[in-house]
Amino acid sequence: MALTERGLTIPEIMLIAGTRIALGAGIGLLISDRLNEDQRKAAGWVLLAVGVLTTIPIVRGVLAKPPAATI
């Protein structure tokens, strides 16, 4: 399978980073002991779900972009 380069704008990169942060924070809350169990699980699952659900349209948008021009 050949790799295809696609150009990304700064806002797209920031959006991708934001979803990764939400995923990481959600997973971190699920495995941490700082909050009580109910609060931790609720916050962790919400952040994990937000990260996963926002990743899907971002990936579709990036894959729909035309390949970057090579020099």
C-alpha atoms as a PDB file:
ATOM      1  CA  MET A   1       0.000   0.000   0.000  1.00  0.00           C
ATOM      2  CA  ALA A   2       1.539   3.305  -1.069  1.00  0.00           C
ATOM      3  CA  LEU A   3       1.402   6.317   1.239  1.00  0.00           C
ATOM      4  CA  THR A   4      -0.189   9.464  -0.123  1.00  0.00           C
ATOM      5  CA  GLU A   5       0.700  12.896   1.211  1.00  0.00           C
ATOM      6  CA  ARG A   6      -2.141  15.288   1.916  1.00  0.00           C
ATOM      7  CA  GLY A   7      -1.755  18.926   2.872  1.00  0.00           C
ATOM      8  CA  LEU A   8      -3.333  20.044   6.146  1.00  0.00           C
ATOM      9  CA  THR A   9      -4.125  23.557   7.285  1.00  0.00           C
ATOM     10  CA  ILE A  10      -3.202  24.834  10.750  1.00  0.00           C
ATOM     11  CA  PRO A  11      -6.853  24.705  11.942  1.00  0.00           C
ATOM     12  CA  GLU A  12      -7.117  21.085  10.766  1.00  0.00           C
ATOM     13  CA  ILE A  13      -3.952  20.174  12.656  1.00  0.00           C
ATOM     14  CA  MET A  14      -5.298  21.911  15.771  1.00  0.00           C
ATOM     15  CA  LEU A  15      -8.598  20.019  15.467  1.00  0.00           C
ATOM     16  CA  ILE A  16      -6.775  16.701  15.126  1.00  0.00           C
ATOM     17  CA  ALA A  17      -4.626  17.544  18.162  1.00  0.00           C
ATOM     18  CA  GLY A  18      -7.744  18.460  20.140  1.00  0.00           C
ATOM     19  CA  THR A  19      -9.347  15.085  19.473  1.00  0.00           C
ATOM     20  CA  ARG A  20      -6.152  13.321  20.548  1.00  0.00           C
ATOM     21  CA  ILE A  21      -6.150  15.375  23.765  1.00  0.00           C
ATOM     22  CA  ALA A  22      -9.781  14.460  24.477  1.00  0.00           C
ATOM     23  CA  LEU A  23      -9.030  10.776  23.895  1.00  0.00           C
ATOM     24  CA  GLY A  24      -5.960  10.882  26.106  1.00  0.00           C
ATOM     25  CA  ALA A  25      -7.705  12.797  28.883  1.00  0.00           C
ATOM     26  CA  GLY A  26     -10.629  10.376  28.782  1.00  0.00           C
ATOM     27  CA  ILE A  27      -8.378   7.347  29.011  1.00  0.00           C
ATOM     28  CA  GLY A  28      -6.344   9.027  31.758  1.00  0.00           C
ATOM     29  CA  LEU A  29      -9.460   9.712  33.824  1.00  0.00           C
ATOM     30  CA  LEU A  30     -10.643   6.142  33.388  1.00  0.00           C
ATOM     31  CA  ILE A  31      -7.401   4.773  34.852  1.00  0.00           C
ATOM     32  CA  SER A  32      -6.712   7.439  37.495  1.00  0.00           C
ATOM     33  CA  ASP A  33      -7.748   7.614  41.142  1.00  0.00           C
ATOM     34  CA  ARG A  34      -8.055  11.424  41.603  1.00  0.00           C
ATOM     35  CA  LEU A  35     -11.869  11.655  41.409  1.00  0.00           C
ATOM     36  CA  ASN A  36     -14.411   9.386  43.030  1.00  0.00           C
ATOM     37  CA  GLU A  37     -15.278   6.388  40.890  1.00  0.00           C
ATOM     38  CA  ASP A  38     -18.597   7.673  39.507  1.00  0.00           C
ATOM     39  CA  GLN A  39     -17.202  11.099  38.547  1.00  0.00           C
ATOM     40  CA  ARG A  40     -14.098   9.567  37.016  1.00  0.00           C
ATOM     41  CA  LYS A  41     -16.016   7.059  34.938  1.00  0.00           C
ATOM     42  CA  ALA A  42     -18.552   9.630  33.723  1.00  0.00           C
ATOM     43  CA  ALA A  43     -15.920  12.187  32.705  1.00  0.00           C
ATOM     44  CA  GLY A  44     -13.643   9.545  31.229  1.00  0.00           C
ATOM     45  CA  TRP A  45     -16.315   7.947  29.066  1.00  0.00           C
ATOM     46  CA  VAL A  46     -17.594  11.323  27.846  1.00  0.00           C
ATOM     47  CA  LEU A  47     -14.101  12.472  26.827  1.00  0.00           C
ATOM     48  CA  LEU A  48     -13.344   9.130  25.225  1.00  0.00           C
ATOM     49  CA  ALA A  49     -16.622   9.253  23.261  1.00  0.00           C
ATOM     50  CA  VAL A  50     -16.002  12.846  22.155  1.00  0.00           C
ATOM     51  CA  GLY A  51     -12.514  11.922  20.969  1.00  0.00           C
ATOM     52  CA  VAL A  52     -13.723   8.890  19.022  1.00  0.00           C
ATOM     53  CA  LEU A  53     -16.807  10.535  17.519  1.00  0.00           C
ATOM     54  CA  THR A  54     -14.965  13.651  16.371  1.00  0.00           C
ATOM     55  CA  THR A  55     -12.169  11.591  14.840  1.00  0.00           C
ATOM     56  CA  ILE A  56     -14.462   9.967  12.281  1.00  0.00           C
ATOM     57  CA  PRO A  57     -15.442  13.132  10.330  1.00  0.00           C
ATOM     58  CA  ILE A  58     -11.874  14.460  10.554  1.00  0.00           C
ATOM     59  CA  VAL A  59     -10.463  11.287   9.002  1.00  0.00           C
ATOM     60  CA  ARG A  60     -13.121  11.358   6.289  1.00  0.00           C
ATOM     61  CA  GLY A  61     -12.282  14.989   5.520  1.00  0.00           C
ATOM     62  CA  VAL A  62      -8.542  14.362   5.333  1.00  0.00           C
ATOM     63  CA  LEU A  63      -8.953  11.300   3.129  1.00  0.00           C
ATOM     64  CA  ALA A  64     -11.274  13.227   0.790  1.00  0.00           C
ATOM     65  CA  LYS A  65      -8.587  15.863   0.131  1.00  0.00           C
ATOM     66  CA  PRO A  66      -6.630  15.562  -3.080  1.00  0.00           C
ATOM     67  CA  PRO A  67      -3.030  14.365  -2.744  1.00  0.00           C
ATOM     68  CA  ALA A  68      -0.415  17.079  -2.170  1.00  0.00           C
ATOM     69  CA  ALA A  69       1.576  18.137  -5.205  1.00  0.00           C
ATOM     70  CA  THR A  70       5.100  16.782  -5.233  1.00  0.00           C
ATOM     71  CA  ILE A  71       7.997  18.979  -6.159  1.00  0.00           C
END
